[in-house]
Amino acid sequence: MGDAAVTSRLRGVAVHKHVQVREYVRALMADAEAGSPAPSERELVQRFGVARMTVRQALDTLVAEGLLERVPGRGTFVAESRVDHVPRLTGFSEEMARRGMRPGSRTLVARIESAGPGVARALEIAVGQPVVHWQRLRLADDAPMCVEDAYLDADIVPGLLDHLPPSLYAELDRRGLTPTWGEDSVEASLAQENESRLLGVTAGHPALRVARRAFCDRTPVEVSRSTYRADRFTMWVPLTRVPQPRR
């Protein structure tokens, strides 16, 4: 689809700027071969007259969808496989790397606690049983992305606090506790005062809260609560429709 046709399709539509940029790039790349370069951030900033963060948000969504992929040091390209209806269970580090961003973290809390009713129920252990509580400020390209609280049954990860790993999921892999499936619950919310200080936003800033249970086969290995900056993180959920028999 040519530039004129793409622009015509978007003209007059009252949508957010990042959506306009996203749909422009989506239409432009729809028939492109895998490996074809996407427009650069600079080109899109100049074309739409928007901030670089707006362009980055639009491209992040297309990377998360699997339409585009980032190659560090080279740019953004049409991905090899653009059809993927299998949701990925990934940790923060994996997900940020897949989006072409450099993951990082800063530990805020790392200690053994007694499991409260909610955590105990999620981990399928008794109330009061020891759990590891690991709270981190998660970074993407050195900028705050989310505040994450992870809880694990202390009995299945002995010594975890002695040498905190760069990636929790990589450590679980090493211990033979690879998360094979999980459940995410997503809620739109507002950042509380303590969260806003950590995330570098004002109190009441839009946020996405993601509650997760991750399982290794039938064993729950992690329960977590993450609060993301809604202006920096787009969650992509693939969907498919099973044809219904005609009546």
Foldseek 3Di string as FASTA:
>chain_A
DDQVVLCVVCPPDPDDPLVSLLSSQCVVCVPPAWFAATDALVVSCVVSVDDSLSPLQSLLVCLLQQQWFADPPPHITGHNDNDDQDDDDDFPCVSLVSSVWHKFKDWDDWDWFFADPVRCVLQVHDGGQIKTWTWIQMDTNNATWKIKIKIFRCVLVPPCSVDPDRTPQVVCVVSVFHFPDKDKDKDWFWAACVGCVSNVHHGRQIWIWIWMFTGRVPGTGMTMIMIGRPSNDDDDRRDDDDDDDDD
